[in-house]
Amino acid sequence: MKKNIEIRWHGRGGQGAKTAALLLADVAFNTGMHVQGFPEYGPERMGAPITAYNRIGQTPIRVHSNIYNPDFVVVVDETLLHAVDVTKGLKADGAIIINTEKTKEEIIPLLKGYEGRVYTIDARKVSMATLGKYFPNSPMLASIVKVAEIMDQDVFLEQMEASYKHKFAKKPEVIEGNMNALRMAFAEVK
């Protein structure tokens, strides 16, 4: 990563977009980067659209506001493409990553004319294969790290394992599945 980047996450309450943004901030901070990770609160209820943000970079971050012109957008739930303008303000030289089983060609017409890079990943497939349940945040987290080139994949995996060991200290049985989800996501993002 050569510059400070801004990421906007779109998800629904309960899908882990806020958690993924905060985990990304923690991991980047632990590798010496300057970071911000924060949610935008609205009608905090299960299934309601939510937005979260990250600023990550090599230099101090002095801006403290929502992100209106992100370099990258992560869409955790593709149904939001019909309800929210997820490409609003997205820089043309940036990219959008969408959790979907559809092809990029099927998704592009839903992006309101956005002409930048479009990536897809079937986070449901990854999650079910590695965790046995649908938790899209780990696959989406690995996807943004890969697409935005935030850090080396091995460094990211090492930091995430340490974070999961702390977060899941009382449920260590879920660590391996989450680590496998991250690894599989790196290979599955298209």
C-alpha atoms as a PDB file:
ATOM      1  CA  MET A   1       0.000   0.000   0.000  1.00  0.00           C
ATOM      2  CA  LYS A   2       1.557   3.230  -1.167  1.00  0.00           C
ATOM      3  CA  LYS A   3      -0.808   5.890   0.203  1.00  0.00           C
ATOM      4  CA  ASN A   4      -3.543   6.441   2.699  1.00  0.00           C
ATOM      5  CA  ILE A   5      -6.735   4.745   1.578  1.00  0.00           C
ATOM      6  CA  GLU A   6     -10.369   5.109   2.547  1.00  0.00           C
ATOM      7  CA  ILE A   7     -12.825   2.214   2.608  1.00  0.00           C
ATOM      8  CA  ARG A   8     -16.596   2.287   2.994  1.00  0.00           C
ATOM      9  CA  TRP A   9     -18.429  -0.879   4.059  1.00  0.00           C
ATOM     10  CA  HIS A  10     -22.107  -1.527   3.298  1.00  0.00           C
ATOM     11  CA  GLY A  11     -23.898  -4.354   5.053  1.00  0.00           C
ATOM     12  CA  ARG A  12     -26.936  -5.192   7.095  1.00  0.00           C
ATOM     13  CA  GLY A  13     -27.104  -5.284  10.872  1.00  0.00           C
ATOM     14  CA  GLY A  14     -25.845  -8.634  12.135  1.00  0.00           C
ATOM     15  CA  GLN A  15     -23.671  -9.513   9.118  1.00  0.00           C
ATOM     16  CA  GLY A  16     -20.426  -8.319  10.659  1.00  0.00           C
ATOM     17  CA  ALA A  17     -19.514  -5.335   8.457  1.00  0.00           C
ATOM     18  CA  LYS A  18     -18.825  -3.190  11.532  1.00  0.00           C
ATOM     19  CA  THR A  19     -16.792  -5.991  13.120  1.00  0.00           C
ATOM     20  CA  ALA A  20     -14.793  -6.502   9.906  1.00  0.00           C
ATOM     21  CA  ALA A  21     -13.984  -2.776   9.696  1.00  0.00           C
ATOM     22  CA  LEU A  22     -12.832  -2.746  13.327  1.00  0.00           C
ATOM     23  CA  LEU A  23     -10.773  -5.935  12.868  1.00  0.00           C
ATOM     24  CA  LEU A  24      -9.104  -4.451   9.802  1.00  0.00           C
ATOM     25  CA  ALA A  25      -8.218  -1.330  11.793  1.00  0.00           C
ATOM     26  CA  ASP A  26      -6.767  -3.431  14.623  1.00  0.00           C
ATOM     27  CA  VAL A  27      -4.677  -5.594  12.334  1.00  0.00           C
ATOM     28  CA  ALA A  28      -3.367  -2.633  10.337  1.00  0.00           C
ATOM     29  CA  PHE A  29      -2.541  -0.766  13.571  1.00  0.00           C
ATOM     30  CA  ASN A  30      -0.635  -3.796  14.862  1.00  0.00           C
ATOM     31  CA  THR A  31       1.568  -3.671  11.755  1.00  0.00           C
ATOM     32  CA  GLY A  32       2.475  -0.028  12.368  1.00  0.00           C
ATOM     33  CA  MET A  33      -0.046   1.710  10.123  1.00  0.00           C
ATOM     34  CA  HIS A  34      -2.142   4.726  11.017  1.00  0.00           C
ATOM     35  CA  VAL A  35      -5.809   3.731  11.164  1.00  0.00           C
ATOM     36  CA  GLN A  36      -9.406   4.614  11.796  1.00  0.00           C
ATOM     37  CA  GLY A  37     -12.264   2.141  11.927  1.00  0.00           C
ATOM     38  CA  PHE A  38     -15.762   3.242  12.857  1.00  0.00           C
ATOM     39  CA  PRO A  39     -19.435   2.589  12.125  1.00  0.00           C
ATOM     40  CA  GLU A  40     -22.147   5.049  11.198  1.00  0.00           C
ATOM     41  CA  TYR A  41     -25.092   4.313  13.405  1.00  0.00           C
ATOM     42  CA  GLY A  42     -28.627   4.479  12.163  1.00  0.00           C
ATOM     43  CA  PRO A  43     -31.625   2.368  13.160  1.00  0.00           C
ATOM     44  CA  GLU A  44     -29.464  -0.255  14.916  1.00  0.00           C
ATOM     45  CA  ARG A  45     -31.599  -3.300  14.261  1.00  0.00           C
ATOM     46  CA  MET A  46     -30.954  -6.699  12.759  1.00  0.00           C
ATOM     47  CA  GLY A  47     -31.178  -6.536   8.969  1.00  0.00           C
ATOM     48  CA  ALA A  48     -31.166  -2.727   8.660  1.00  0.00           C
ATOM     49  CA  PRO A  49     -28.591  -1.225   6.275  1.00  0.00           C
ATOM     50  CA  ILE A  50     -25.421  -0.137   8.070  1.00  0.00           C
ATOM     51  CA  THR A  51     -22.274   1.648   6.989  1.00  0.00           C
ATOM     52  CA  ALA A  52     -18.778   1.342   8.443  1.00  0.00           C
ATOM     53  CA  TYR A  53     -15.522   3.003   7.480  1.00  0.00           C
ATOM     54  CA  ASN A  54     -11.755   2.543   7.477  1.00  0.00           C
ATOM     55  CA  ARG A  55      -8.908   4.934   6.887  1.00  0.00           C
ATOM     56  CA  ILE A  56      -5.551   3.196   6.670  1.00  0.00           C
ATOM     57  CA  GLY A  57      -2.170   4.577   5.740  1.00  0.00           C
ATOM     58  CA  GLN A  58       1.491   5.149   6.301  1.00  0.00           C
ATOM     59  CA  THR A  59       1.060   8.765   7.428  1.00  0.00           C
ATOM     60  CA  PRO A  60      -0.960  10.284  10.283  1.00  0.00           C
ATOM     61  CA  ILE A  61      -4.685  10.638   9.616  1.00  0.00           C
ATOM     62  CA  ARG A  62      -6.034  14.002  10.623  1.00  0.00           C
ATOM     63  CA  VAL A  63      -9.530  13.794   9.092  1.00  0.00           C
ATOM     64  CA  HIS A  64     -12.329  12.774  11.458  1.00  0.00           C
ATOM     65  CA  SER A  65     -15.522  12.440   9.445  1.00  0.00           C
ATOM     66  CA  ASN A  66     -17.476   9.900   7.458  1.00  0.00           C
ATOM     67  CA  ILE A  67     -15.958   8.913   4.133  1.00  0.00           C
ATOM     68  CA  TYR A  68     -17.712  10.467   1.158  1.00  0.00           C
ATOM     69  CA  ASN A  69     -15.237   9.651  -1.637  1.00  0.00           C
ATOM     70  CA  PRO A  70     -13.825   6.222  -0.810  1.00  0.00           C
ATOM     71  CA  ASP A  71     -11.062   4.482  -2.690  1.00  0.00           C
ATOM     72  CA  PHE A  72     -12.772   1.156  -2.060  1.00  0.00           C
ATOM     73  CA  VAL A  73     -16.290  -0.031  -1.251  1.00  0.00           C
ATOM     74  CA  VAL A  74     -17.117  -3.419   0.271  1.00  0.00           C
ATOM     75  CA  VAL A  75     -20.708  -4.641  -0.138  1.00  0.00           C
ATOM     76  CA  VAL A  76     -21.426  -7.454   2.321  1.00  0.00           C
ATOM     77  CA  ASP A  77     -25.012  -7.985   1.130  1.00  0.00           C
ATOM     78  CA  GLU A  78     -25.799  -7.735  -2.577  1.00  0.00           C
ATOM     79  CA  THR A  79     -29.474  -6.899  -1.892  1.00  0.00           C
ATOM     80  CA  LEU A  80     -28.205  -3.454  -0.878  1.00  0.00           C
ATOM     81  CA  LEU A  81     -27.437  -2.785  -4.558  1.00  0.00           C
ATOM     82  CA  HIS A  82     -31.191  -2.230  -4.980  1.00  0.00           C
ATOM     83  CA  ALA A  83     -31.654  -0.149  -1.814  1.00  0.00           C
ATOM     84  CA  VAL A  84     -28.487   1.955  -1.376  1.00  0.00           C
ATOM     85  CA  ASP A  85     -26.303   3.852  -3.858  1.00  0.00           C
ATOM     86  CA  VAL A  86     -23.178   1.920  -2.900  1.00  0.00           C
ATOM     87  CA  THR A  87     -21.079   3.561  -5.625  1.00  0.00           C
ATOM     88  CA  LYS A  88     -21.882   7.119  -4.520  1.00  0.00           C
ATOM     89  CA  GLY A  89     -18.618   9.050  -4.381  1.00  0.00           C
ATOM     90  CA  LEU A  90     -16.521   5.958  -5.187  1.00  0.00           C
ATOM     91  CA  LYS A  91     -13.383   7.056  -6.989  1.00  0.00           C
ATOM     92  CA  ALA A  92     -13.127   5.925 -10.614  1.00  0.00           C
ATOM     93  CA  ASP A  93      -9.611   4.588  -9.977  1.00  0.00           C
ATOM     94  CA  GLY A  94     -10.853   2.670  -6.926  1.00  0.00           C
ATOM     95  CA  ALA A  95     -12.736  -0.609  -6.745  1.00  0.00           C
ATOM     96  CA  ILE A  96     -15.863  -2.220  -5.377  1.00  0.00           C
ATOM     97  CA  ILE A  97     -16.041  -5.739  -3.918  1.00  0.00           C
ATOM     98  CA  ILE A  98     -19.443  -7.393  -3.776  1.00  0.00           C
ATOM     99  CA  ASN A  99     -20.515 -10.518  -1.929  1.00  0.00           C
ATOM    100  CA  THR A 100     -22.491 -12.363  -4.597  1.00  0.00           C
ATOM    101  CA  GLU A 101     -22.685 -15.646  -6.437  1.00  0.00           C
ATOM    102  CA  LYS A 102     -23.369 -13.669  -9.634  1.00  0.00           C
ATOM    103  CA  THR A 103     -20.716 -12.851 -12.198  1.00  0.00           C
ATOM    104  CA  LYS A 104     -19.193  -9.426 -12.544  1.00  0.00           C
ATOM    105  CA  GLU A 105     -21.099  -9.015 -15.818  1.00  0.00           C
ATOM    106  CA  GLU A 106     -24.407  -9.641 -14.039  1.00  0.00           C
ATOM    107  CA  ILE A 107     -23.572  -7.115 -11.307  1.00  0.00           C
ATOM    108  CA  ILE A 108     -22.277  -4.197 -13.392  1.00  0.00           C
ATOM    109  CA  PRO A 109     -25.766  -3.061 -14.569  1.00  0.00           C
ATOM    110  CA  LEU A 110     -26.731  -2.582 -10.893  1.00  0.00           C
ATOM    111  CA  LEU A 111     -23.851  -0.171 -10.204  1.00  0.00           C
ATOM    112  CA  LYS A 112     -25.396   3.040 -11.588  1.00  0.00           C
ATOM    113  CA  GLY A 113     -22.799   3.532 -14.311  1.00  0.00           C
ATOM    114  CA  TYR A 114     -19.716   2.964 -12.148  1.00  0.00           C
ATOM    115  CA  GLU A 115     -16.830   2.277 -14.516  1.00  0.00           C
ATOM    116  CA  GLY A 116     -14.056   1.380 -12.064  1.00  0.00           C
ATOM    117  CA  ARG A 117     -12.829  -2.054 -11.074  1.00  0.00           C
ATOM    118  CA  VAL A 118     -15.459  -4.535  -9.891  1.00  0.00           C
ATOM    119  CA  TYR A 119     -14.625  -7.646  -7.859  1.00  0.00           C
ATOM    120  CA  THR A 120     -16.930 -10.384  -6.667  1.00  0.00           C
ATOM    121  CA  ILE A 121     -16.696 -13.145  -4.106  1.00  0.00           C
ATOM    122  CA  ASP A 122     -19.261 -15.687  -2.997  1.00  0.00           C
ATOM    123  CA  ALA A 123     -18.759 -15.194   0.735  1.00  0.00           C
ATOM    124  CA  ARG A 124     -21.667 -17.545   1.452  1.00  0.00           C
ATOM    125  CA  LYS A 125     -19.874 -20.382  -0.354  1.00  0.00           C
ATOM    126  CA  VAL A 126     -16.604 -19.631   1.450  1.00  0.00           C
ATOM    127  CA  SER A 127     -18.299 -19.319   4.829  1.00  0.00           C
ATOM    128  CA  MET A 128     -20.364 -22.500   4.479  1.00  0.00           C
ATOM    129  CA  ALA A 129     -17.316 -24.484   3.292  1.00  0.00           C
ATOM    130  CA  THR A 130     -15.082 -23.331   6.140  1.00  0.00           C
ATOM    131  CA  LEU A 131     -17.406 -22.481   9.024  1.00  0.00           C
ATOM    132  CA  GLY A 132     -20.550 -24.492   8.287  1.00  0.00           C
ATOM    133  CA  LYS A 133     -22.606 -21.315   8.825  1.00  0.00           C
ATOM    134  CA  TYR A 134     -23.080 -18.048   6.997  1.00  0.00           C
ATOM    135  CA  PHE A 135     -20.719 -15.437   8.416  1.00  0.00           C
ATOM    136  CA  PRO A 136     -19.666 -13.206   5.495  1.00  0.00           C
ATOM    137  CA  ASN A 137     -17.362 -10.834   7.364  1.00  0.00           C
ATOM    138  CA  SER A 138     -14.180 -12.962   7.370  1.00  0.00           C
ATOM    139  CA  PRO A 139     -14.271 -13.625   3.602  1.00  0.00           C
ATOM    140  CA  MET A 140     -15.049  -9.966   2.887  1.00  0.00           C
ATOM    141  CA  LEU A 141     -12.217  -8.854   5.169  1.00  0.00           C
ATOM    142  CA  ALA A 142      -9.679 -10.974   3.283  1.00  0.00           C
ATOM    143  CA  SER A 143     -11.094  -9.725  -0.017  1.00  0.00           C
ATOM    144  CA  ILE A 144     -10.481  -6.055   0.756  1.00  0.00           C
ATOM    145  CA  VAL A 145      -6.979  -6.791   2.033  1.00  0.00           C
ATOM    146  CA  LYS A 146      -6.195  -8.515  -1.268  1.00  0.00           C
ATOM    147  CA  VAL A 147      -7.853  -6.010  -3.610  1.00  0.00           C
ATOM    148  CA  ALA A 148      -6.549  -2.887  -1.830  1.00  0.00           C
ATOM    149  CA  GLU A 149      -3.128  -4.483  -1.231  1.00  0.00           C
ATOM    150  CA  ILE A 150      -3.269  -3.256   2.354  1.00  0.00           C
ATOM    151  CA  MET A 151      -0.576  -5.639   3.536  1.00  0.00           C
ATOM    152  CA  ASP A 152       1.183  -8.860   2.652  1.00  0.00           C
ATOM    153  CA  GLN A 153      -1.155 -11.847   2.823  1.00  0.00           C
ATOM    154  CA  ASP A 154       1.070 -13.790   5.240  1.00  0.00           C
ATOM    155  CA  VAL A 155       1.388 -10.802   7.592  1.00  0.00           C
ATOM    156  CA  PHE A 156      -2.383 -10.348   7.492  1.00  0.00           C
ATOM    157  CA  LEU A 157      -3.035 -14.016   8.269  1.00  0.00           C
ATOM    158  CA  GLU A 158      -0.528 -13.983  11.129  1.00  0.00           C
ATOM    159  CA  GLN A 159      -2.117 -10.861  12.631  1.00  0.00           C
ATOM    160  CA  MET A 160      -5.641 -12.202  12.177  1.00  0.00           C
ATOM    161  CA  GLU A 161      -4.758 -15.469  13.905  1.00  0.00           C
ATOM    162  CA  ALA A 162      -3.458 -13.510  16.893  1.00  0.00           C
ATOM    163  CA  SER A 163      -6.604 -11.357  16.867  1.00  0.00           C
ATOM    164  CA  TYR A 164      -8.900 -14.400  16.671  1.00  0.00           C
ATOM    165  CA  LYS A 165      -7.020 -16.108  19.526  1.00  0.00           C
ATOM    166  CA  HIS A 166      -7.754 -13.078  21.680  1.00  0.00           C
ATOM    167  CA  LYS A 167     -11.327 -12.550  20.455  1.00  0.00           C
ATOM    168  CA  PHE A 168     -12.281 -16.232  20.647  1.00  0.00           C
ATOM    169  CA  ALA A 169     -10.280 -17.162  23.762  1.00  0.00           C
ATOM    170  CA  LYS A 170     -13.348 -18.911  25.192  1.00  0.00           C
ATOM    171  CA  LYS A 171     -14.294 -20.511  21.845  1.00  0.00           C
ATOM    172  CA  PRO A 172     -10.968 -21.653  20.341  1.00  0.00           C
ATOM    173  CA  GLU A 173     -12.772 -24.191  18.153  1.00  0.00           C
ATOM    174  CA  VAL A 174     -13.902 -21.382  15.800  1.00  0.00           C
ATOM    175  CA  ILE A 175     -10.401 -20.057  15.086  1.00  0.00           C
ATOM    176  CA  GLU A 176      -9.400 -22.671  12.521  1.00  0.00           C
ATOM    177  CA  GLY A 177     -12.619 -22.223  10.515  1.00  0.00           C
ATOM    178  CA  ASN A 178     -12.204 -18.446  10.424  1.00  0.00           C
ATOM    179  CA  MET A 179      -8.569 -18.771   9.361  1.00  0.00           C
ATOM    180  CA  ASN A 180      -9.614 -21.182   6.606  1.00  0.00           C
ATOM    181  CA  ALA A 181     -12.284 -18.688   5.510  1.00  0.00           C
ATOM    182  CA  LEU A 182      -9.638 -15.974   5.178  1.00  0.00           C
ATOM    183  CA  ARG A 183      -7.305 -18.244   3.184  1.00  0.00           C
ATOM    184  CA  MET A 184     -10.086 -19.449   0.881  1.00  0.00           C
ATOM    185  CA  ALA A 185     -11.313 -15.902   0.295  1.00  0.00           C
ATOM    186  CA  PHE A 186      -7.900 -14.805  -0.960  1.00  0.00           C
ATOM    187  CA  ALA A 187      -8.226 -17.477  -3.667  1.00  0.00           C
ATOM    188  CA  GLU A 188     -11.918 -16.903  -4.419  1.00  0.00           C
ATOM    189  CA  VAL A 189     -12.090 -13.141  -4.987  1.00  0.00           C
ATOM    190  CA  LYS A 190     -12.525 -12.478  -8.712  1.00  0.00           C
END
